[in-house]
Amino acid sequence: MLTQLSRLFHVSADYILNGDTPDNLDPIVNEAIEILNNLKTDKAKKSALEMLRQIQILEG
């Protein structure tokens, strides 16, 4: 899941794990990562990731 999030948000796994915000990161992407990091269950995280994938497909 970590690898998928890294690819989806175009950030490193280290960034997702440690929360270090690069200066050039879009604030909306930063907020989305923070929300995903705060989800408590794997089921919630997988559901959120699937929603993001569907949005990505719609943008096609």
PDB file of N, CA and C in Angstrom:
ATOM      1  N   MET A   1       0.833  -1.185   0.000  1.00  0.00           N
ATOM      2  CA  MET A   1       0.000   0.000   0.000  1.00  0.00           C
ATOM      3  C   MET A   1       0.882   1.255   0.000  1.00  0.00           C
ATOM      4  N   LEU A   2       1.983   1.196   0.725  1.00  0.00           N
ATOM      5  CA  LEU A   2       2.885   2.350   0.796  1.00  0.00           C
ATOM      6  C   LEU A   2       3.438   2.699  -0.587  1.00  0.00           C
ATOM      7  N   THR A   3       3.817   1.699  -1.330  1.00  0.00           N
ATOM      8  CA  THR A   3       4.336   1.928  -2.678  1.00  0.00           C
ATOM      9  C   THR A   3       3.266   2.540  -3.562  1.00  0.00           C
ATOM     10  N   GLN A   4       2.054   2.059  -3.453  1.00  0.00           N
ATOM     11  CA  GLN A   4       0.957   2.591  -4.264  1.00  0.00           C
ATOM     12  C   GLN A   4       0.689   4.055  -3.928  1.00  0.00           C
ATOM     13  N   LEU A   5       0.698   4.378  -2.647  1.00  0.00           N
ATOM     14  CA  LEU A   5       0.487   5.772  -2.245  1.00  0.00           C
ATOM     15  C   LEU A   5       1.613   6.664  -2.753  1.00  0.00           C
ATOM     16  N   SER A   6       2.842   6.156  -2.664  1.00  0.00           N
ATOM     17  CA  SER A   6       3.989   6.926  -3.160  1.00  0.00           C
ATOM     18  C   SER A   6       3.832   7.258  -4.632  1.00  0.00           C
ATOM     19  N   ARG A   7       3.443   6.265  -5.393  1.00  0.00           N
ATOM     20  CA  ARG A   7       3.254   6.483  -6.834  1.00  0.00           C
ATOM     21  C   ARG A   7       2.085   7.410  -7.112  1.00  0.00           C
ATOM     22  N   LEU A   8       1.005   7.216  -6.401  1.00  0.00           N
ATOM     23  CA  LEU A   8      -0.194   8.023  -6.621  1.00  0.00           C
ATOM     24  C   LEU A   8       0.073   9.507  -6.352  1.00  0.00           C
ATOM     25  N   PHE A   9       0.785   9.791  -5.275  1.00  0.00           N
ATOM     26  CA  PHE A   9       1.023  11.174  -4.887  1.00  0.00           C
ATOM     27  C   PHE A   9       2.372  11.715  -5.364  1.00  0.00           C
ATOM     28  N   HIS A  10       3.136  10.862  -6.059  1.00  0.00           N
ATOM     29  CA  HIS A  10       4.441  11.274  -6.592  1.00  0.00           C
ATOM     30  C   HIS A  10       5.356  11.796  -5.493  1.00  0.00           C
ATOM     31  N   VAL A  11       5.392  11.046  -4.391  1.00  0.00           N
ATOM     32  CA  VAL A  11       6.297  11.361  -3.285  1.00  0.00           C
ATOM     33  C   VAL A  11       7.013  10.076  -2.873  1.00  0.00           C
ATOM     34  N   SER A  12       8.052  10.215  -2.076  1.00  0.00           N
ATOM     35  CA  SER A  12       8.789   9.036  -1.617  1.00  0.00           C
ATOM     36  C   SER A  12       8.049   8.347  -0.475  1.00  0.00           C
ATOM     37  N   ALA A  13       8.359   7.077  -0.300  1.00  0.00           N
ATOM     38  CA  ALA A  13       7.803   6.335   0.833  1.00  0.00           C
ATOM     39  C   ALA A  13       8.286   6.957   2.136  1.00  0.00           C
ATOM     40  N   ASP A  14       9.522   7.437   2.133  1.00  0.00           N
ATOM     41  CA  ASP A  14      10.071   8.103   3.305  1.00  0.00           C
ATOM     42  C   ASP A  14       9.240   9.320   3.683  1.00  0.00           C
ATOM     43  N   TYR A  15       8.796  10.052   2.680  1.00  0.00           N
ATOM     44  CA  TYR A  15       7.951  11.209   2.954  1.00  0.00           C
ATOM     45  C   TYR A  15       6.650  10.782   3.624  1.00  0.00           C
ATOM     46  N   ILE A  16       6.039   9.730   3.109  1.00  0.00           N
ATOM     47  CA  ILE A  16       4.769   9.270   3.677  1.00  0.00           C
ATOM     48  C   ILE A  16       4.972   8.785   5.111  1.00  0.00           C
ATOM     49  N   LEU A  17       6.060   8.088   5.355  1.00  0.00           N
ATOM     50  CA  LEU A  17       6.307   7.542   6.690  1.00  0.00           C
ATOM     51  C   LEU A  17       6.706   8.604   7.708  1.00  0.00           C
ATOM     52  N   ASN A  18       7.506   9.571   7.281  1.00  0.00           N
ATOM     53  CA  ASN A  18       8.053  10.553   8.218  1.00  0.00           C
ATOM     54  C   ASN A  18       7.338  11.890   8.217  1.00  0.00           C
ATOM     55  N   GLY A  19       6.559  12.156   7.172  1.00  0.00           N
ATOM     56  CA  GLY A  19       5.781  13.384   7.130  1.00  0.00           C
ATOM     57  C   GLY A  19       6.562  14.643   6.828  1.00  0.00           C
ATOM     58  N   ASP A  20       7.799  14.479   6.379  1.00  0.00           N
ATOM     59  CA  ASP A  20       8.572  15.656   5.993  1.00  0.00           C
ATOM     60  C   ASP A  20       7.975  16.235   4.724  1.00  0.00           C
ATOM     61  N   THR A  21       7.588  17.490   4.771  1.00  0.00           N
ATOM     62  CA  THR A  21       6.928  18.122   3.644  1.00  0.00           C
ATOM     63  C   THR A  21       7.949  18.806   2.740  1.00  0.00           C
ATOM     64  N   PRO A  22       8.101  18.324   1.503  1.00  0.00           N
ATOM     65  CA  PRO A  22       8.961  19.053   0.576  1.00  0.00           C
ATOM     66  C   PRO A  22       8.358  20.409   0.257  1.00  0.00           C
ATOM     67  N   ASP A  23       9.201  21.387  -0.027  1.00  0.00           N
ATOM     68  CA  ASP A  23       8.717  22.735  -0.312  1.00  0.00           C
ATOM     69  C   ASP A  23       7.824  22.795  -1.540  1.00  0.00           C
ATOM     70  N   ASN A  24       8.041  21.903  -2.503  1.00  0.00           N
ATOM     71  CA  ASN A  24       7.304  21.976  -3.761  1.00  0.00           C
ATOM     72  C   ASN A  24       6.053  21.099  -3.785  1.00  0.00           C
ATOM     73  N   LEU A  25       5.647  20.514  -2.663  1.00  0.00           N
ATOM     74  CA  LEU A  25       4.482  19.639  -2.635  1.00  0.00           C
ATOM     75  C   LEU A  25       3.200  20.459  -2.618  1.00  0.00           C
ATOM     76  N   ASP A  26       2.272  20.086  -3.459  1.00  0.00           N
ATOM     77  CA  ASP A  26       0.965  20.737  -3.527  1.00  0.00           C
ATOM     78  C   ASP A  26       0.277  20.619  -2.165  1.00  0.00           C
ATOM     79  N   PRO A  27      -0.234  21.707  -1.618  1.00  0.00           N
ATOM     80  CA  PRO A  27      -0.886  21.662  -0.297  1.00  0.00           C
ATOM     81  C   PRO A  27      -2.077  20.699  -0.250  1.00  0.00           C
ATOM     82  N   ILE A  28      -2.775  20.538  -1.351  1.00  0.00           N
ATOM     83  CA  ILE A  28      -3.909  19.613  -1.383  1.00  0.00           C
ATOM     84  C   ILE A  28      -3.412  18.174  -1.268  1.00  0.00           C
ATOM     85  N   VAL A  29      -2.323  17.868  -1.957  1.00  0.00           N
ATOM     86  CA  VAL A  29      -1.727  16.539  -1.869  1.00  0.00           C
ATOM     87  C   VAL A  29      -1.235  16.293  -0.446  1.00  0.00           C
ATOM     88  N   ASN A  30      -0.631  17.288   0.150  1.00  0.00           N
ATOM     89  CA  ASN A  30      -0.159  17.168   1.527  1.00  0.00           C
ATOM     90  C   ASN A  30      -1.322  16.865   2.471  1.00  0.00           C
ATOM     91  N   GLU A  31      -2.425  17.548   2.290  1.00  0.00           N
ATOM     92  CA  GLU A  31      -3.595  17.307   3.140  1.00  0.00           C
ATOM     93  C   GLU A  31      -4.149  15.905   2.927  1.00  0.00           C
ATOM     94  N   ALA A  32      -4.192  15.444   1.682  1.00  0.00           N
ATOM     95  CA  ALA A  32      -4.688  14.098   1.392  1.00  0.00           C
ATOM     96  C   ALA A  32      -3.811  13.042   2.063  1.00  0.00           C
ATOM     97  N   ILE A  33      -2.510  13.238   2.013  1.00  0.00           N
ATOM     98  CA  ILE A  33      -1.598  12.294   2.658  1.00  0.00           C
ATOM     99  C   ILE A  33      -1.809  12.297   4.165  1.00  0.00           C
ATOM    100  N   GLU A  34      -1.992  13.460   4.735  1.00  0.00           N
ATOM    101  CA  GLU A  34      -2.234  13.554   6.172  1.00  0.00           C
ATOM    102  C   GLU A  34      -3.509  12.813   6.561  1.00  0.00           C
ATOM    103  N   ILE A  35      -4.550  12.973   5.770  1.00  0.00           N
ATOM    104  CA  ILE A  35      -5.817  12.271   6.034  1.00  0.00           C
ATOM    105  C   ILE A  35      -5.606  10.765   5.959  1.00  0.00           C
ATOM    106  N   LEU A  36      -4.922  10.301   4.899  1.00  0.00           N
ATOM    107  CA  LEU A  36      -4.662   8.864   4.755  1.00  0.00           C
ATOM    108  C   LEU A  36      -3.830   8.336   5.909  1.00  0.00           C
ATOM    109  N   ASN A  37      -2.841   9.098   6.330  1.00  0.00           N
ATOM    110  CA  ASN A  37      -2.003   8.661   7.453  1.00  0.00           C
ATOM    111  C   ASN A  37      -2.797   8.559   8.750  1.00  0.00           C
ATOM    112  N   ASN A  38      -3.852   9.336   8.893  1.00  0.00           N
ATOM    113  CA  ASN A  38      -4.633   9.333  10.125  1.00  0.00           C
ATOM    114  C   ASN A  38      -5.755   8.300  10.144  1.00  0.00           C
ATOM    115  N   LEU A  39      -6.009   7.648   9.021  1.00  0.00           N
ATOM    116  CA  LEU A  39      -7.020   6.594   9.022  1.00  0.00           C
ATOM    117  C   LEU A  39      -6.533   5.437   9.876  1.00  0.00           C
ATOM    118  N   LYS A  40      -7.429   4.844  10.634  1.00  0.00           N
ATOM    119  CA  LYS A  40      -7.021   3.857  11.631  1.00  0.00           C
ATOM    120  C   LYS A  40      -6.993   2.423  11.124  1.00  0.00           C
ATOM    121  N   THR A  41      -7.860   2.063  10.227  1.00  0.00           N
ATOM    122  CA  THR A  41      -7.930   0.660   9.806  1.00  0.00           C
ATOM    123  C   THR A  41      -7.441   0.484   8.381  1.00  0.00           C
ATOM    124  N   ASP A  42      -6.939  -0.711   8.098  1.00  0.00           N
ATOM    125  CA  ASP A  42      -6.520  -1.022   6.733  1.00  0.00           C
ATOM    126  C   ASP A  42      -7.697  -0.947   5.766  1.00  0.00           C
ATOM    127  N   LYS A  43      -8.866  -1.336   6.254  1.00  0.00           N
ATOM    128  CA  LYS A  43     -10.061  -1.288   5.405  1.00  0.00           C
ATOM    129  C   LYS A  43     -10.358   0.152   4.982  1.00  0.00           C
ATOM    130  N   ALA A  44     -10.257   1.084   5.907  1.00  0.00           N
ATOM    131  CA  ALA A  44     -10.498   2.495   5.588  1.00  0.00           C
ATOM    132  C   ALA A  44      -9.448   3.015   4.619  1.00  0.00           C
ATOM    133  N   LYS A  45      -8.185   2.645   4.835  1.00  0.00           N
ATOM    134  CA  LYS A  45      -7.102   3.080   3.950  1.00  0.00           C
ATOM    135  C   LYS A  45      -7.288   2.531   2.539  1.00  0.00           C
ATOM    136  N   LYS A  46      -7.645   1.261   2.440  1.00  0.00           N
ATOM    137  CA  LYS A  46      -7.858   0.656   1.123  1.00  0.00           C
ATOM    138  C   LYS A  46      -9.053   1.297   0.419  1.00  0.00           C
ATOM    139  N   SER A  47     -10.092   1.596   1.160  1.00  0.00           N
ATOM    140  CA  SER A  47     -11.272   2.241   0.581  1.00  0.00           C
ATOM    141  C   SER A  47     -10.931   3.635   0.059  1.00  0.00           C
ATOM    142  N   ALA A  48     -10.171   4.376   0.834  1.00  0.00           N
ATOM    143  CA  ALA A  48      -9.775   5.720   0.410  1.00  0.00           C
ATOM    144  C   ALA A  48      -8.898   5.651  -0.836  1.00  0.00           C
ATOM    145  N   LEU A  49      -7.985   4.709  -0.866  1.00  0.00           N
ATOM    146  CA  LEU A  49      -7.109   4.553  -2.022  1.00  0.00           C
ATOM    147  C   LEU A  49      -7.918   4.183  -3.262  1.00  0.00           C
ATOM    148  N   GLU A  50      -8.893   3.330  -3.098  1.00  0.00           N
ATOM    149  CA  GLU A  50      -9.736   2.948  -4.236  1.00  0.00           C
ATOM    150  C   GLU A  50     -10.533   4.143  -4.750  1.00  0.00           C
ATOM    151  N   MET A  51     -11.023   4.986  -3.859  1.00  0.00           N
ATOM    152  CA  MET A  51     -11.737   6.188  -4.296  1.00  0.00           C
ATOM    153  C   MET A  51     -10.814   7.095  -5.103  1.00  0.00           C
ATOM    154  N   LEU A  52      -9.589   7.244  -4.641  1.00  0.00           N
ATOM    155  CA  LEU A  52      -8.628   8.073  -5.368  1.00  0.00           C
ATOM    156  C   LEU A  52      -8.318   7.492  -6.745  1.00  0.00           C
ATOM    157  N   ARG A  53      -8.225   6.182  -6.813  1.00  0.00           N
ATOM    158  CA  ARG A  53      -7.991   5.540  -8.118  1.00  0.00           C
ATOM    159  C   ARG A  53      -9.143   5.804  -9.081  1.00  0.00           C
ATOM    160  N   GLN A  54     -10.360   5.752  -8.565  1.00  0.00           N
ATOM    161  CA  GLN A  54     -11.529   5.995  -9.423  1.00  0.00           C
ATOM    162  C   GLN A  54     -11.531   7.431  -9.937  1.00  0.00           C
ATOM    163  N   ILE A  55     -11.171   8.358  -9.087  1.00  0.00           N
ATOM    164  CA  ILE A  55     -11.085   9.758  -9.512  1.00  0.00           C
ATOM    165  C   ILE A  55     -10.008   9.916 -10.578  1.00  0.00           C
ATOM    166  N   GLN A  56      -8.895   9.243 -10.371  1.00  0.00           N
ATOM    167  CA  GLN A  56      -7.799   9.283 -11.355  1.00  0.00           C
ATOM    168  C   GLN A  56      -8.258   8.742 -12.694  1.00  0.00           C
ATOM    169  N   ILE A  57      -9.024   7.677 -12.692  1.00  0.00           N
ATOM    170  CA  ILE A  57      -9.561   7.091 -13.924  1.00  0.00           C
ATOM    171  C   ILE A  57     -10.502   8.082 -14.615  1.00  0.00           C
ATOM    172  N   LEU A  58     -11.353   8.735 -13.846  1.00  0.00           N
ATOM    173  CA  LEU A  58     -12.296   9.703 -14.402  1.00  0.00           C
ATOM    174  C   LEU A  58     -11.588  10.881 -15.057  1.00  0.00           C
ATOM    175  N   GLU A  59     -10.442  11.259 -14.493  1.00  0.00           N
ATOM    176  CA  GLU A  59      -9.680  12.357 -15.087  1.00  0.00           C
ATOM    177  C   GLU A  59      -9.017  11.949 -16.388  1.00  0.00           C
ATOM    178  N   GLY A  60      -8.750  10.619 -16.485  1.00  0.00           N
ATOM    179  CA  GLY A  60      -8.167   9.965 -17.646  1.00  0.00           C
ATOM    180  C   GLY A  60      -7.425  10.756 -18.568  1.00  0.00           C
TER     181      GLY A  60
END
